[in-house]
Amino acid sequence: MNLKIKDKVVFITGSTAGIGFATAERFLHEGATVIINGRTNAGVDEAVTQLKTRTKNDNISGIAADFSKVGDINNVLKSIPTVDILVNNTGIFEPKAFSDISDEDWY
């Protein structure tokens, strides 16, 4: 598949496992430069190593940040370059119909 994203910079939150990890892997296979995120340095470092091995693409880095902490969010904003693609895979939610989600829930 050619998504025409070669050399684009992608930032994926919540990407050291699961859907976020798989998304990072797909972008790396497409030739993108990927920045992943997790809550701990150890988790981020392990995921970066795995993704490099699996994709043979070294254009990957990571940043540890807990998005429930304003200080961590501010550090991410200061630390990462301009991105072309953002995948927001971080969040806590409760199951409910889309139309029942209030503005407070989104915040």
C-alpha atoms as a PDB file:
ATOM      1  CA  MET A   1       0.000   0.000   0.000  1.00  0.00           C
ATOM      2  CA  ASN A   2       1.317   3.488  -0.762  1.00  0.00           C
ATOM      3  CA  LEU A   3      -0.249   6.078   1.497  1.00  0.00           C
ATOM      4  CA  LYS A   4       2.034   8.783   0.035  1.00  0.00           C
ATOM      5  CA  ILE A   5       3.389   9.695   3.457  1.00  0.00           C
ATOM      6  CA  LYS A   6       7.074   8.977   2.849  1.00  0.00           C
ATOM      7  CA  ASP A   7       9.163  11.482   4.801  1.00  0.00           C
ATOM      8  CA  LYS A   8       6.144  12.892   6.665  1.00  0.00           C
ATOM      9  CA  VAL A   9       6.572  13.363  10.424  1.00  0.00           C
ATOM     10  CA  VAL A  10       3.963  11.484  12.462  1.00  0.00           C
ATOM     11  CA  PHE A  11       3.324  11.817  16.209  1.00  0.00           C
ATOM     12  CA  ILE A  12       1.257   9.044  17.780  1.00  0.00           C
ATOM     13  CA  THR A  13       0.175   9.312  21.403  1.00  0.00           C
ATOM     14  CA  GLY A  14      -0.320   6.135  23.399  1.00  0.00           C
ATOM     15  CA  SER A  15       1.755   4.085  20.986  1.00  0.00           C
ATOM     16  CA  THR A  16       3.950   1.692  22.954  1.00  0.00           C
ATOM     17  CA  ALA A  17       1.439  -1.164  22.642  1.00  0.00           C
ATOM     18  CA  GLY A  18      -1.796  -2.217  20.991  1.00  0.00           C
ATOM     19  CA  ILE A  19      -3.448  -0.106  18.318  1.00  0.00           C
ATOM     20  CA  GLY A  20      -0.989   2.780  18.716  1.00  0.00           C
ATOM     21  CA  PHE A  21       1.995   0.457  18.274  1.00  0.00           C
ATOM     22  CA  ALA A  22       0.434  -1.164  15.196  1.00  0.00           C
ATOM     23  CA  THR A  23      -0.303   2.283  13.770  1.00  0.00           C
ATOM     24  CA  ALA A  24       3.316   3.345  14.297  1.00  0.00           C
ATOM     25  CA  GLU A  25       4.493   0.171  12.591  1.00  0.00           C
ATOM     26  CA  ARG A  26       2.290   0.826   9.557  1.00  0.00           C
ATOM     27  CA  PHE A  27       3.525   4.426   9.208  1.00  0.00           C
ATOM     28  CA  LEU A  28       7.141   3.236   9.478  1.00  0.00           C
ATOM     29  CA  HIS A  29       6.580   0.650   6.734  1.00  0.00           C
ATOM     30  CA  GLU A  30       5.295   3.509   4.578  1.00  0.00           C
ATOM     31  CA  GLY A  31       8.537   5.460   5.062  1.00  0.00           C
ATOM     32  CA  ALA A  32       7.313   8.065   7.545  1.00  0.00           C
ATOM     33  CA  THR A  33       9.353   9.481  10.397  1.00  0.00           C
ATOM     34  CA  VAL A  34       7.504   8.486  13.564  1.00  0.00           C
ATOM     35  CA  ILE A  35       7.534   9.819  17.114  1.00  0.00           C
ATOM     36  CA  ILE A  36       5.852   7.478  19.575  1.00  0.00           C
ATOM     37  CA  ASN A  37       4.626   8.169  23.089  1.00  0.00           C
ATOM     38  CA  GLY A  38       4.104   6.219  26.268  1.00  0.00           C
ATOM     39  CA  ARG A  39       4.004   6.987  29.970  1.00  0.00           C
ATOM     40  CA  THR A  40       7.476   5.650  30.877  1.00  0.00           C
ATOM     41  CA  ASN A  41      10.930   5.973  29.363  1.00  0.00           C
ATOM     42  CA  ALA A  42      11.431   2.211  29.653  1.00  0.00           C
ATOM     43  CA  GLY A  43       8.222   1.484  27.737  1.00  0.00           C
ATOM     44  CA  VAL A  44       9.043   4.017  25.040  1.00  0.00           C
ATOM     45  CA  ASP A  45      12.616   2.740  24.650  1.00  0.00           C
ATOM     46  CA  GLU A  46      11.437  -0.880  24.352  1.00  0.00           C
ATOM     47  CA  ALA A  47       8.799   0.018  21.754  1.00  0.00           C
ATOM     48  CA  VAL A  48      11.320   2.042  19.708  1.00  0.00           C
ATOM     49  CA  THR A  49      13.710  -0.915  19.691  1.00  0.00           C
ATOM     50  CA  GLN A  50      10.968  -3.334  18.637  1.00  0.00           C
ATOM     51  CA  LEU A  51       9.715  -1.064  15.879  1.00  0.00           C
ATOM     52  CA  LYS A  52      13.199  -0.516  14.462  1.00  0.00           C
ATOM     53  CA  THR A  53      13.730  -4.275  14.352  1.00  0.00           C
ATOM     54  CA  ARG A  54      10.339  -5.043  12.833  1.00  0.00           C
ATOM     55  CA  THR A  55      10.341  -2.314  10.184  1.00  0.00           C
ATOM     56  CA  LYS A  56      14.033  -1.784   9.411  1.00  0.00           C
ATOM     57  CA  ASN A  57      13.215   1.939   9.572  1.00  0.00           C
ATOM     58  CA  ASP A  58      15.439   3.909  11.956  1.00  0.00           C
ATOM     59  CA  ASN A  59      13.393   7.096  11.547  1.00  0.00           C
ATOM     60  CA  ILE A  60      11.693   6.606  14.882  1.00  0.00           C
ATOM     61  CA  SER A  61      12.017   8.272  18.247  1.00  0.00           C
ATOM     62  CA  GLY A  62       9.896   8.477  21.329  1.00  0.00           C
ATOM     63  CA  ILE A  63       8.959  10.693  24.212  1.00  0.00           C
ATOM     64  CA  ALA A  64       7.632   9.656  27.588  1.00  0.00           C
ATOM     65  CA  ALA A  65       4.691  11.702  28.808  1.00  0.00           C
ATOM     66  CA  ASP A  66       1.592  11.085  30.872  1.00  0.00           C
ATOM     67  CA  PHE A  67      -1.172  13.064  29.207  1.00  0.00           C
ATOM     68  CA  SER A  68      -3.066  13.380  32.479  1.00  0.00           C
ATOM     69  CA  LYS A  69      -0.279  15.722  33.662  1.00  0.00           C
ATOM     70  CA  VAL A  70      -0.132  19.271  32.311  1.00  0.00           C
ATOM     71  CA  GLY A  71       3.643  19.483  32.841  1.00  0.00           C
ATOM     72  CA  ASP A  72       4.201  16.388  30.700  1.00  0.00           C
ATOM     73  CA  ILE A  73       1.972  17.789  27.965  1.00  0.00           C
ATOM     74  CA  ASN A  74       3.883  21.071  27.970  1.00  0.00           C
ATOM     75  CA  ASN A  75       7.169  19.170  27.729  1.00  0.00           C
ATOM     76  CA  VAL A  76       5.902  17.288  24.668  1.00  0.00           C
ATOM     77  CA  LEU A  77       4.834  20.527  23.008  1.00  0.00           C
ATOM     78  CA  LYS A  78       8.315  21.987  23.589  1.00  0.00           C
ATOM     79  CA  SER A  79      10.195  18.827  22.618  1.00  0.00           C
ATOM     80  CA  ILE A  80       8.712  17.603  19.375  1.00  0.00           C
ATOM     81  CA  PRO A  81       9.216  19.269  16.018  1.00  0.00           C
ATOM     82  CA  THR A  82       6.393  20.331  13.786  1.00  0.00           C
ATOM     83  CA  VAL A  83       4.396  17.281  12.789  1.00  0.00           C
ATOM     84  CA  ASP A  84       2.538  16.558   9.576  1.00  0.00           C
ATOM     85  CA  ILE A  85       0.225  13.913  11.025  1.00  0.00           C
ATOM     86  CA  LEU A  86      -1.135  13.562  14.568  1.00  0.00           C
ATOM     87  CA  VAL A  87      -2.762  10.352  15.760  1.00  0.00           C
ATOM     88  CA  ASN A  88      -4.334  10.956  19.168  1.00  0.00           C
ATOM     89  CA  ASN A  89      -4.565   7.476  20.652  1.00  0.00           C
ATOM     90  CA  THR A  90      -4.595   8.587  24.286  1.00  0.00           C
ATOM     91  CA  GLY A  91      -7.655   9.044  26.378  1.00  0.00           C
ATOM     92  CA  ILE A  92      -9.924   7.666  29.005  1.00  0.00           C
ATOM     93  CA  PHE A  93     -13.556   7.214  28.220  1.00  0.00           C
ATOM     94  CA  GLU A  94     -16.696   5.502  29.325  1.00  0.00           C
ATOM     95  CA  PRO A  95     -18.883   3.690  26.841  1.00  0.00           C
ATOM     96  CA  LYS A  96     -21.784   5.875  25.729  1.00  0.00           C
ATOM     97  CA  ALA A  97     -23.433   6.998  22.530  1.00  0.00           C
ATOM     98  CA  PHE A  98     -21.546   9.719  20.639  1.00  0.00           C
ATOM     99  CA  SER A  99     -24.509  12.084  20.961  1.00  0.00           C
ATOM    100  CA  ASP A 100     -24.433  11.662  24.758  1.00  0.00           C
ATOM    101  CA  ILE A 101     -20.820  12.820  25.129  1.00  0.00           C
ATOM    102  CA  SER A 102     -20.777  16.266  26.748  1.00  0.00           C
ATOM    103  CA  ASP A 103     -18.171  18.967  26.214  1.00  0.00           C
ATOM    104  CA  GLU A 104     -16.899  18.245  29.751  1.00  0.00           C
ATOM    105  CA  ASP A 105     -16.317  14.600  28.765  1.00  0.00           C
ATOM    106  CA  TRP A 106     -14.249  15.707  25.780  1.00  0.00           C
ATOM    107  CA  TYR A 107     -12.122  17.972  27.972  1.00  0.00           C
END
